[in-house]
Amino acid sequence: PNVFYRDGTAAELAPDSDMTTPEGRAAAGKAAFPRVGRLTADKALADIDAWVEAMGTLDGVAPGPIGTTGYCMGARLAVRTAIAHPEAVAACGGFHGGGLATDAPDSPHLGLGNARARFVFGHADHDQSMDPDAVARLGEALDAAGLEATNEIYAGAPHGYSMADTSAFHPEATERHFIELRALLDGTLKG
């Protein structure tokens, strides 16, 4: 879904710079950061509730547990979904996610005690939005909640490593993330 629908359509908000260059990627990020900041936890949770409810009404969606996956700030949304809907979410993947374990009172890691999902996190290396201390804090919260989880930094992989149309693309990290995500989904959702 377009999580920024409050700001415009996906077409209206699409980057107008060449994301395959570091400069173009930086310009696109600069344009997106204000939108990311406006997507508060409260706004996200209202959307999450609507998405989970809507999934159950779609043709082709089997009854039973669901999985959620997020990239960049979407990893926060995926974790918030697993926390808000523990009865529904069996699998949660987050890749090159940011802001998963902060000092903010609504930091996602603080709610992990409510989750029941299995988690897989593939963090970017040298990521300002998820530094090694934050990765460790997230790992401690996962352990304290007794959750089955993988929480690893992909060496050499920059933030955005799975985005093949950007300068951050890292083929090895992307392949690793696909393998780990597939194992997560197969291990939790296949019956």
N, C-alpha and C. Protein backbone atom coordinates (compact mmCIF):
# COMPACT_ATOMS: atom_id res chain seq x y z
N PRO A 1 0.83 -1.21 0.00
CA PRO A 1 0.00 0.00 0.00
C PRO A 1 0.86 1.26 0.00
N ASN A 2 0.28 2.34 -0.42
CA ASN A 2 0.95 3.63 -0.38
C ASN A 2 0.77 4.21 1.02
N VAL A 3 1.78 4.03 1.87
CA VAL A 3 1.68 4.51 3.25
C VAL A 3 1.68 6.03 3.34
N PHE A 4 2.01 6.69 2.26
CA PHE A 4 2.03 8.15 2.23
C PHE A 4 0.81 8.72 1.52
N TYR A 5 -0.28 7.99 1.48
CA TYR A 5 -1.48 8.44 0.76
C TYR A 5 -1.98 9.79 1.26
N ARG A 6 -1.68 10.15 2.47
CA ARG A 6 -2.11 11.45 3.00
C ARG A 6 -1.42 12.61 2.27
N ASP A 7 -0.27 12.31 1.66
CA ASP A 7 0.51 13.32 0.96
C ASP A 7 0.31 13.32 -0.55
N GLY A 8 -0.32 12.29 -1.09
CA GLY A 8 -0.54 12.22 -2.53
C GLY A 8 -0.54 10.79 -3.02
N THR A 9 -0.78 10.64 -4.31
CA THR A 9 -0.76 9.31 -4.92
C THR A 9 0.68 8.84 -5.09
N ALA A 10 0.84 7.55 -5.33
CA ALA A 10 2.18 7.02 -5.56
C ALA A 10 2.84 7.70 -6.76
N ALA A 11 2.06 7.95 -7.81
CA ALA A 11 2.61 8.62 -8.99
C ALA A 11 3.06 10.04 -8.66
N GLU A 12 2.28 10.74 -7.87
CA GLU A 12 2.62 12.12 -7.50
C GLU A 12 3.86 12.18 -6.62
N LEU A 13 4.09 11.14 -5.83
CA LEU A 13 5.20 11.15 -4.88
C LEU A 13 6.44 10.41 -5.38
N ALA A 14 6.38 9.88 -6.58
CA ALA A 14 7.52 9.13 -7.13
C ALA A 14 8.74 10.03 -7.25
N PRO A 15 9.92 9.49 -6.97
CA PRO A 15 11.14 10.30 -7.09
C PRO A 15 11.31 10.83 -8.51
N ASP A 16 11.79 12.05 -8.62
CA ASP A 16 12.04 12.62 -9.94
C ASP A 16 13.53 12.72 -10.23
N SER A 17 14.33 12.03 -9.42
CA SER A 17 15.77 12.03 -9.64
C SER A 17 16.23 10.63 -10.04
N ASP A 18 17.44 10.55 -10.55
CA ASP A 18 18.01 9.28 -10.98
C ASP A 18 18.54 8.55 -9.75
N MET A 19 17.79 7.56 -9.30
CA MET A 19 18.14 6.85 -8.07
C MET A 19 19.34 5.92 -8.24
N THR A 20 19.83 5.76 -9.48
CA THR A 20 21.00 4.91 -9.69
C THR A 20 22.29 5.64 -9.37
N THR A 21 22.21 6.94 -9.12
CA THR A 21 23.40 7.70 -8.73
C THR A 21 23.29 8.05 -7.24
N PRO A 22 24.41 8.13 -6.55
CA PRO A 22 24.36 8.52 -5.14
C PRO A 22 23.69 9.88 -4.93
N GLU A 23 23.93 10.81 -5.84
CA GLU A 23 23.34 12.15 -5.70
C GLU A 23 21.82 12.10 -5.88
N GLY A 24 21.37 11.34 -6.86
CA GLY A 24 19.94 11.21 -7.09
C GLY A 24 19.25 10.51 -5.94
N ARG A 25 19.90 9.49 -5.39
CA ARG A 25 19.34 8.78 -4.24
C ARG A 25 19.25 9.71 -3.04
N ALA A 26 20.28 10.52 -2.83
CA ALA A 26 20.26 11.47 -1.71
C ALA A 26 19.15 12.49 -1.89
N ALA A 27 18.95 12.97 -3.11
CA ALA A 27 17.88 13.94 -3.37
C ALA A 27 16.50 13.33 -3.13
N ALA A 28 16.32 12.09 -3.54
CA ALA A 28 15.03 11.41 -3.31
C ALA A 28 14.80 11.21 -1.82
N GLY A 29 15.84 10.85 -1.11
CA GLY A 29 15.72 10.69 0.34
C GLY A 29 15.36 11.99 1.03
N LYS A 30 16.00 13.06 0.60
CA LYS A 30 15.72 14.37 1.20
C LYS A 30 14.26 14.76 0.98
N ALA A 31 13.71 14.43 -0.18
CA ALA A 31 12.31 14.74 -0.46
C ALA A 31 11.37 13.86 0.36
N ALA A 32 11.77 12.62 0.63
CA ALA A 32 10.89 11.68 1.34
C ALA A 32 10.94 11.83 2.85
N PHE A 33 12.04 12.30 3.41
CA PHE A 33 12.18 12.34 4.87
C PHE A 33 11.07 13.09 5.59
N PRO A 34 10.59 14.22 5.08
CA PRO A 34 9.48 14.88 5.78
C PRO A 34 8.22 14.01 5.83
N ARG A 35 7.94 13.28 4.77
CA ARG A 35 6.78 12.38 4.78
C ARG A 35 6.96 11.27 5.81
N VAL A 36 8.15 10.73 5.87
CA VAL A 36 8.44 9.68 6.84
C VAL A 36 8.20 10.21 8.25
N GLY A 37 8.66 11.42 8.51
CA GLY A 37 8.48 12.02 9.83
C GLY A 37 7.03 12.26 10.19
N ARG A 38 6.21 12.54 9.20
CA ARG A 38 4.78 12.78 9.47
C ARG A 38 3.99 11.50 9.68
N LEU A 39 4.55 10.37 9.31
CA LEU A 39 3.85 9.10 9.50
C LEU A 39 4.11 8.61 10.93
N THR A 40 3.35 9.15 11.86
CA THR A 40 3.52 8.83 13.28
C THR A 40 3.04 7.41 13.57
N ALA A 41 3.40 6.92 14.74
CA ALA A 41 2.95 5.59 15.15
C ALA A 41 1.43 5.52 15.18
N ASP A 42 0.78 6.55 15.67
CA ASP A 42 -0.69 6.54 15.75
C ASP A 42 -1.31 6.45 14.36
N LYS A 43 -0.80 7.22 13.41
CA LYS A 43 -1.32 7.15 12.04
C LYS A 43 -1.06 5.77 11.45
N ALA A 44 0.14 5.26 11.67
CA ALA A 44 0.49 3.95 11.12
C ALA A 44 -0.40 2.86 11.70
N LEU A 45 -0.68 2.91 12.99
CA LEU A 45 -1.50 1.86 13.60
C LEU A 45 -2.92 1.87 13.06
N ALA A 46 -3.47 3.03 12.81
CA ALA A 46 -4.82 3.08 12.22
C ALA A 46 -4.81 2.43 10.83
N ASP A 47 -3.78 2.72 10.05
CA ASP A 47 -3.66 2.11 8.73
C ASP A 47 -3.45 0.59 8.84
N ILE A 48 -2.61 0.18 9.75
CA ILE A 48 -2.32 -1.24 9.94
C ILE A 48 -3.60 -2.01 10.25
N ASP A 49 -4.40 -1.48 11.15
CA ASP A 49 -5.66 -2.15 11.49
C ASP A 49 -6.53 -2.32 10.24
N ALA A 50 -6.60 -1.28 9.43
CA ALA A 50 -7.41 -1.35 8.20
C ALA A 50 -6.84 -2.36 7.22
N TRP A 51 -5.51 -2.41 7.07
CA TRP A 51 -4.89 -3.35 6.13
C TRP A 51 -5.14 -4.79 6.55
N VAL A 52 -4.95 -5.08 7.84
CA VAL A 52 -5.13 -6.45 8.31
C VAL A 52 -6.58 -6.88 8.12
N GLU A 53 -7.51 -5.99 8.43
CA GLU A 53 -8.93 -6.30 8.23
C GLU A 53 -9.23 -6.54 6.75
N ALA A 54 -8.69 -5.68 5.89
CA ALA A 54 -8.95 -5.80 4.46
C ALA A 54 -8.37 -7.08 3.88
N MET A 55 -7.22 -7.51 4.37
CA MET A 55 -6.61 -8.74 3.85
C MET A 55 -7.55 -9.93 3.98
N GLY A 56 -8.28 -9.97 5.07
CA GLY A 56 -9.20 -11.08 5.29
C GLY A 56 -10.38 -11.11 4.34
N THR A 57 -10.60 -10.03 3.62
CA THR A 57 -11.75 -9.96 2.70
C THR A 57 -11.36 -10.16 1.24
N LEU A 58 -10.08 -10.26 0.96
CA LEU A 58 -9.62 -10.36 -0.43
C LEU A 58 -9.75 -11.77 -0.98
N ASP A 59 -10.21 -11.86 -2.22
CA ASP A 59 -10.24 -13.15 -2.90
C ASP A 59 -8.82 -13.67 -3.02
N GLY A 60 -8.65 -14.95 -2.82
CA GLY A 60 -7.34 -15.56 -2.96
C GLY A 60 -6.50 -15.55 -1.70
N VAL A 61 -6.97 -14.90 -0.65
CA VAL A 61 -6.23 -14.90 0.61
C VAL A 61 -6.81 -16.01 1.48
N ALA A 62 -5.98 -16.99 1.78
CA ALA A 62 -6.42 -18.13 2.58
C ALA A 62 -6.61 -17.70 4.03
N PRO A 63 -7.55 -18.31 4.72
CA PRO A 63 -7.69 -18.01 6.14
C PRO A 63 -6.46 -18.51 6.89
N GLY A 64 -6.19 -17.91 8.01
CA GLY A 64 -5.06 -18.34 8.83
C GLY A 64 -4.06 -17.23 9.01
N PRO A 65 -2.88 -17.58 9.50
CA PRO A 65 -1.88 -16.57 9.83
C PRO A 65 -1.35 -15.86 8.58
N ILE A 66 -0.83 -14.67 8.81
CA ILE A 66 -0.25 -13.87 7.74
C ILE A 66 1.20 -13.54 8.06
N GLY A 67 1.90 -13.11 7.04
CA GLY A 67 3.26 -12.62 7.20
C GLY A 67 3.31 -11.17 6.77
N THR A 68 4.25 -10.44 7.33
CA THR A 68 4.44 -9.04 6.95
C THR A 68 5.93 -8.79 6.79
N THR A 69 6.26 -8.01 5.78
CA THR A 69 7.66 -7.72 5.47
C THR A 69 7.80 -6.24 5.19
N GLY A 70 8.88 -5.65 5.67
CA GLY A 70 9.11 -4.24 5.42
C GLY A 70 10.57 -3.95 5.14
N TYR A 71 10.76 -2.92 4.32
CA TYR A 71 12.09 -2.47 3.94
C TYR A 71 12.21 -1.02 4.35
N CYS A 72 13.39 -0.64 4.84
CA CYS A 72 13.62 0.73 5.30
C CYS A 72 12.59 1.03 6.39
N MET A 73 11.86 2.13 6.28
CA MET A 73 10.87 2.46 7.32
C MET A 73 9.72 1.46 7.34
N GLY A 74 9.55 0.71 6.26
CA GLY A 74 8.53 -0.33 6.22
C GLY A 74 8.79 -1.44 7.23
N ALA A 75 10.05 -1.62 7.63
CA ALA A 75 10.34 -2.61 8.67
C ALA A 75 9.68 -2.21 9.98
N ARG A 76 9.66 -0.91 10.27
CA ARG A 76 8.94 -0.44 11.48
C ARG A 76 7.46 -0.77 11.37
N LEU A 77 6.89 -0.56 10.19
CA LEU A 77 5.47 -0.86 9.99
C LEU A 77 5.21 -2.35 10.13
N ALA A 78 6.10 -3.17 9.61
CA ALA A 78 5.94 -4.62 9.73
C ALA A 78 5.96 -5.05 11.19
N VAL A 79 6.91 -4.51 11.96
CA VAL A 79 7.00 -4.84 13.38
C VAL A 79 5.76 -4.34 14.12
N ARG A 80 5.34 -3.13 13.83
CA ARG A 80 4.13 -2.61 14.48
C ARG A 80 2.91 -3.49 14.16
N THR A 81 2.86 -4.04 12.95
CA THR A 81 1.77 -4.93 12.57
C THR A 81 1.81 -6.21 13.41
N ALA A 82 2.99 -6.79 13.55
CA ALA A 82 3.13 -8.01 14.35
C ALA A 82 2.76 -7.77 15.81
N ILE A 83 3.05 -6.59 16.31
CA ILE A 83 2.73 -6.25 17.70
C ILE A 83 1.24 -5.99 17.87
N ALA A 84 0.65 -5.27 16.94
CA ALA A 84 -0.76 -4.89 17.05
C ALA A 84 -1.71 -6.04 16.76
N HIS A 85 -1.24 -7.03 16.00
CA HIS A 85 -2.10 -8.15 15.59
C HIS A 85 -1.39 -9.49 15.84
N PRO A 86 -1.06 -9.77 17.10
CA PRO A 86 -0.32 -11.01 17.37
C PRO A 86 -1.09 -12.27 17.01
N GLU A 87 -2.41 -12.19 17.03
CA GLU A 87 -3.23 -13.35 16.69
C GLU A 87 -3.20 -13.65 15.19
N ALA A 88 -2.83 -12.67 14.40
CA ALA A 88 -2.85 -12.82 12.94
C ALA A 88 -1.46 -13.01 12.34
N VAL A 89 -0.46 -12.34 12.87
CA VAL A 89 0.86 -12.29 12.23
C VAL A 89 1.77 -13.39 12.79
N ALA A 90 2.16 -14.32 11.91
CA ALA A 90 3.05 -15.42 12.29
C ALA A 90 4.48 -15.18 11.84
N ALA A 91 4.68 -14.30 10.87
CA ALA A 91 6.01 -14.05 10.30
C ALA A 91 6.21 -12.56 10.09
N CYS A 92 7.39 -12.08 10.47
CA CYS A 92 7.71 -10.66 10.28
C CYS A 92 9.16 -10.54 9.84
N GLY A 93 9.35 -9.98 8.65
CA GLY A 93 10.69 -9.75 8.13
C GLY A 93 10.96 -8.26 8.02
N GLY A 94 12.16 -7.85 8.37
CA GLY A 94 12.56 -6.45 8.24
C GLY A 94 13.95 -6.38 7.66
N PHE A 95 14.11 -5.63 6.57
CA PHE A 95 15.39 -5.58 5.87
C PHE A 95 15.81 -4.14 5.64
N HIS A 96 17.08 -3.87 5.92
CA HIS A 96 17.66 -2.53 5.98
C HIS A 96 16.66 -1.56 6.63
N GLY A 97 16.08 -2.02 7.73
CA GLY A 97 15.11 -1.22 8.48
C GLY A 97 15.79 -0.16 9.31
N GLY A 98 15.06 0.89 9.59
CA GLY A 98 15.58 1.96 10.43
C GLY A 98 14.62 2.28 11.56
N GLY A 99 15.16 2.77 12.65
CA GLY A 99 14.33 3.22 13.76
C GLY A 99 13.59 2.12 14.48
N LEU A 100 14.13 0.92 14.49
CA LEU A 100 13.45 -0.20 15.14
C LEU A 100 13.68 -0.26 16.64
N ALA A 101 14.74 0.37 17.10
CA ALA A 101 15.07 0.37 18.53
C ALA A 101 15.71 1.71 18.88
N THR A 102 14.87 2.64 19.27
CA THR A 102 15.31 4.00 19.58
C THR A 102 15.00 4.32 21.04
N ASP A 103 15.32 5.55 21.44
CA ASP A 103 15.00 6.01 22.78
C ASP A 103 13.59 6.59 22.88
N ALA A 104 12.87 6.65 21.77
CA ALA A 104 11.52 7.21 21.76
C ALA A 104 10.56 6.32 22.55
N PRO A 105 9.58 6.91 23.21
CA PRO A 105 8.64 6.10 24.00
C PRO A 105 7.77 5.17 23.16
N ASP A 106 7.68 5.42 21.87
CA ASP A 106 6.89 4.54 21.00
C ASP A 106 7.78 3.70 20.06
N SER A 107 9.04 3.52 20.46
CA SER A 107 9.96 2.71 19.64
C SER A 107 9.39 1.30 19.47
N PRO A 108 9.43 0.77 18.26
CA PRO A 108 8.84 -0.55 18.02
C PRO A 108 9.35 -1.65 18.95
N HIS A 109 10.63 -1.63 19.27
CA HIS A 109 11.18 -2.72 20.08
C HIS A 109 10.51 -2.83 21.45
N LEU A 110 9.95 -1.73 21.93
CA LEU A 110 9.34 -1.74 23.26
C LEU A 110 8.04 -2.54 23.32
N GLY A 111 7.42 -2.79 22.18
CA GLY A 111 6.17 -3.54 22.16
C GLY A 111 6.32 -5.01 21.81
N LEU A 112 7.54 -5.49 21.64
CA LEU A 112 7.73 -6.86 21.18
C LEU A 112 7.17 -7.91 22.13
N GLY A 113 6.99 -7.57 23.38
CA GLY A 113 6.40 -8.51 24.33
C GLY A 113 4.98 -8.89 23.96
N ASN A 114 4.33 -8.09 23.12
CA ASN A 114 2.97 -8.39 22.67
C ASN A 114 2.93 -9.28 21.43
N ALA A 115 4.06 -9.45 20.77
CA ALA A 115 4.10 -10.18 19.50
C ALA A 115 4.24 -11.69 19.73
N ARG A 116 3.84 -12.45 18.72
CA ARG A 116 4.02 -13.91 18.74
C ARG A 116 4.72 -14.41 17.47
N ALA A 117 4.99 -13.52 16.57
CA ALA A 117 5.56 -13.88 15.26
C ALA A 117 7.00 -14.36 15.40
N ARG A 118 7.45 -15.03 14.35
CA ARG A 118 8.87 -15.31 14.18
C ARG A 118 9.43 -14.14 13.36
N PHE A 119 10.60 -13.64 13.75
CA PHE A 119 11.17 -12.45 13.13
C PHE A 119 12.49 -12.77 12.43
N VAL A 120 12.71 -12.12 11.29
CA VAL A 120 14.00 -12.14 10.61
C VAL A 120 14.35 -10.70 10.26
N PHE A 121 15.51 -10.26 10.75
CA PHE A 121 16.01 -8.92 10.44
C PHE A 121 17.36 -9.04 9.76
N GLY A 122 17.49 -8.40 8.60
CA GLY A 122 18.75 -8.31 7.88
C GLY A 122 19.13 -6.84 7.79
N HIS A 123 19.98 -6.40 8.72
CA HIS A 123 20.32 -4.98 8.83
C HIS A 123 21.44 -4.59 7.87
N ALA A 124 21.39 -3.37 7.42
CA ALA A 124 22.46 -2.82 6.60
C ALA A 124 23.67 -2.54 7.48
N ASP A 125 24.82 -2.61 6.88
CA ASP A 125 26.08 -2.32 7.56
C ASP A 125 26.30 -0.80 7.57
N HIS A 126 26.80 -0.28 8.66
CA HIS A 126 27.08 1.16 8.78
C HIS A 126 25.84 2.00 8.47
N ASP A 127 24.71 1.62 9.04
CA ASP A 127 23.43 2.29 8.79
C ASP A 127 23.16 3.29 9.91
N GLN A 128 23.09 4.56 9.55
CA GLN A 128 22.84 5.60 10.55
C GLN A 128 21.47 5.47 11.20
N SER A 129 20.52 4.85 10.52
CA SER A 129 19.18 4.71 11.08
C SER A 129 19.03 3.45 11.93
N MET A 130 20.07 2.61 11.96
CA MET A 130 20.04 1.38 12.75
C MET A 130 21.47 0.94 13.00
N ASP A 131 22.14 1.65 13.93
CA ASP A 131 23.55 1.36 14.19
C ASP A 131 23.69 0.08 15.02
N PRO A 132 24.93 -0.41 15.21
CA PRO A 132 25.11 -1.67 15.94
C PRO A 132 24.51 -1.67 17.35
N ASP A 133 24.53 -0.53 18.04
CA ASP A 133 23.91 -0.47 19.36
C ASP A 133 22.40 -0.68 19.27
N ALA A 134 21.77 -0.10 18.25
CA ALA A 134 20.33 -0.29 18.06
C ALA A 134 20.02 -1.73 17.68
N VAL A 135 20.87 -2.34 16.86
CA VAL A 135 20.69 -3.75 16.50
C VAL A 135 20.77 -4.61 17.77
N ALA A 136 21.74 -4.31 18.63
CA ALA A 136 21.88 -5.06 19.89
C ALA A 136 20.66 -4.84 20.78
N ARG A 137 20.18 -3.61 20.87
CA ARG A 137 18.99 -3.31 21.68
C ARG A 137 17.78 -4.08 21.16
N LEU A 138 17.63 -4.14 19.85
CA LEU A 138 16.54 -4.91 19.25
C LEU A 138 16.69 -6.39 19.60
N GLY A 139 17.89 -6.91 19.50
CA GLY A 139 18.13 -8.31 19.85
C GLY A 139 17.79 -8.61 21.29
N GLU A 140 18.14 -7.70 22.19
CA GLU A 140 17.81 -7.89 23.61
C GLU A 140 16.31 -7.91 23.82
N ALA A 141 15.59 -7.04 23.11
CA ALA A 141 14.12 -7.00 23.24
C ALA A 141 13.49 -8.27 22.68
N LEU A 142 14.01 -8.77 21.57
CA LEU A 142 13.50 -10.02 21.00
C LEU A 142 13.73 -11.17 21.98
N ASP A 143 14.93 -11.23 22.56
CA ASP A 143 15.24 -12.28 23.54
C ASP A 143 14.36 -12.17 24.77
N ALA A 144 14.20 -10.95 25.30
CA ALA A 144 13.39 -10.74 26.50
C ALA A 144 11.94 -11.15 26.27
N ALA A 145 11.47 -10.99 25.03
CA ALA A 145 10.09 -11.37 24.70
C ALA A 145 9.96 -12.86 24.42
N GLY A 146 11.09 -13.57 24.37
CA GLY A 146 11.06 -15.00 24.10
C GLY A 146 10.68 -15.35 22.68
N LEU A 147 10.99 -14.45 21.75
CA LEU A 147 10.60 -14.65 20.35
C LEU A 147 11.69 -15.35 19.56
N GLU A 148 11.28 -16.20 18.64
CA GLU A 148 12.22 -16.81 17.72
C GLU A 148 12.61 -15.75 16.70
N ALA A 149 13.91 -15.50 16.58
CA ALA A 149 14.32 -14.38 15.72
C ALA A 149 15.75 -14.55 15.22
N THR A 150 15.98 -13.99 14.04
CA THR A 150 17.30 -13.79 13.49
C THR A 150 17.48 -12.29 13.37
N ASN A 151 18.60 -11.77 13.85
CA ASN A 151 18.83 -10.32 13.92
C ASN A 151 20.29 -10.07 13.57
N GLU A 152 20.58 -9.90 12.27
CA GLU A 152 21.96 -9.85 11.83
C GLU A 152 22.25 -8.65 10.94
N ILE A 153 23.48 -8.20 11.02
CA ILE A 153 23.98 -7.15 10.13
C ILE A 153 24.61 -7.85 8.92
N TYR A 154 24.23 -7.43 7.72
CA TYR A 154 24.80 -7.97 6.50
C TYR A 154 26.07 -7.16 6.18
N ALA A 155 27.21 -7.76 6.40
CA ALA A 155 28.49 -7.08 6.23
C ALA A 155 28.62 -6.49 4.83
N GLY A 156 28.99 -5.22 4.79
CA GLY A 156 29.23 -4.53 3.52
C GLY A 156 28.00 -4.05 2.79
N ALA A 157 26.82 -4.37 3.31
CA ALA A 157 25.58 -4.00 2.61
C ALA A 157 25.10 -2.63 3.07
N PRO A 158 24.91 -1.69 2.16
CA PRO A 158 24.43 -0.36 2.54
C PRO A 158 22.92 -0.34 2.77
N HIS A 159 22.46 0.71 3.42
CA HIS A 159 21.02 0.91 3.58
C HIS A 159 20.40 0.98 2.18
N GLY A 160 19.35 0.22 1.97
CA GLY A 160 18.71 0.16 0.66
C GLY A 160 19.25 -0.94 -0.23
N TYR A 161 20.00 -1.88 0.35
CA TYR A 161 20.71 -2.89 -0.45
C TYR A 161 19.83 -3.73 -1.36
N SER A 162 18.54 -3.85 -1.07
CA SER A 162 17.68 -4.70 -1.90
C SER A 162 17.07 -3.98 -3.10
N MET A 163 17.34 -2.70 -3.23
CA MET A 163 16.70 -1.88 -4.26
C MET A 163 17.56 -1.87 -5.53
N ALA A 164 17.21 -2.75 -6.47
CA ALA A 164 18.02 -2.94 -7.67
C ALA A 164 18.09 -1.71 -8.56
N ASP A 165 17.16 -0.79 -8.40
CA ASP A 165 17.15 0.41 -9.25
C ASP A 165 17.80 1.61 -8.58
N THR A 166 18.62 1.34 -7.55
CA THR A 166 19.31 2.45 -6.88
C THR A 166 20.80 2.17 -6.77
N SER A 167 21.54 3.19 -6.40
CA SER A 167 22.98 3.06 -6.23
C SER A 167 23.35 2.24 -5.00
N ALA A 168 22.39 1.94 -4.13
CA ALA A 168 22.66 1.15 -2.92
C ALA A 168 22.59 -0.35 -3.15
N PHE A 169 22.17 -0.77 -4.32
CA PHE A 169 21.95 -2.20 -4.58
C PHE A 169 23.20 -3.02 -4.28
N HIS A 170 23.00 -4.11 -3.55
CA HIS A 170 24.07 -5.02 -3.17
C HIS A 170 23.58 -6.44 -3.47
N PRO A 171 24.02 -7.02 -4.60
CA PRO A 171 23.46 -8.31 -5.03
C PRO A 171 23.57 -9.43 -4.00
N GLU A 172 24.71 -9.54 -3.34
CA GLU A 172 24.88 -10.63 -2.37
C GLU A 172 23.93 -10.48 -1.19
N ALA A 173 23.81 -9.28 -0.66
CA ALA A 173 22.89 -9.06 0.46
C ALA A 173 21.44 -9.27 0.03
N THR A 174 21.14 -8.85 -1.19
CA THR A 174 19.78 -9.05 -1.70
C THR A 174 19.46 -10.53 -1.79
N GLU A 175 20.37 -11.32 -2.32
CA GLU A 175 20.14 -12.76 -2.42
C GLU A 175 20.00 -13.38 -1.03
N ARG A 176 20.85 -12.98 -0.11
CA ARG A 176 20.76 -13.50 1.26
C ARG A 176 19.40 -13.17 1.87
N HIS A 177 18.94 -11.94 1.65
CA HIS A 177 17.65 -11.55 2.23
C HIS A 177 16.52 -12.38 1.62
N PHE A 178 16.59 -12.65 0.30
CA PHE A 178 15.56 -13.49 -0.33
C PHE A 178 15.54 -14.89 0.29
N ILE A 179 16.70 -15.46 0.49
CA ILE A 179 16.80 -16.80 1.06
C ILE A 179 16.22 -16.82 2.47
N GLU A 180 16.59 -15.83 3.29
CA GLU A 180 16.12 -15.80 4.67
C GLU A 180 14.63 -15.48 4.76
N LEU A 181 14.15 -14.60 3.88
CA LEU A 181 12.72 -14.29 3.87
C LEU A 181 11.92 -15.51 3.44
N ARG A 182 12.38 -16.20 2.40
CA ARG A 182 11.66 -17.39 1.94
C ARG A 182 11.60 -18.45 3.03
N ALA A 183 12.71 -18.65 3.73
CA ALA A 183 12.73 -19.64 4.82
C ALA A 183 11.76 -19.23 5.93
N LEU A 184 11.71 -17.95 6.24
CA LEU A 184 10.77 -17.45 7.25
C LEU A 184 9.33 -17.75 6.85
N LEU A 185 8.97 -17.38 5.63
CA LEU A 185 7.60 -17.56 5.17
C LEU A 185 7.24 -19.04 5.03
N ASP A 186 8.15 -19.83 4.48
CA ASP A 186 7.89 -21.26 4.36
C ASP A 186 7.75 -21.92 5.73
N GLY A 187 8.55 -21.48 6.68
CA GLY A 187 8.54 -22.10 8.01
C GLY A 187 7.36 -21.70 8.88
N THR A 188 6.68 -20.63 8.52
CA THR A 188 5.58 -20.15 9.36
C THR A 188 4.22 -20.20 8.69
N LEU A 189 4.18 -20.09 7.38
CA LEU A 189 2.90 -19.96 6.69
C LEU A 189 2.50 -21.18 5.87
N LYS A 190 3.46 -22.01 5.52
CA LYS A 190 3.10 -23.20 4.74
C LYS A 190 2.52 -24.23 5.69
N GLY A 191 1.40 -24.80 5.32
CA GLY A 191 0.77 -25.76 6.21
C GLY A 191 0.55 -27.01 5.54
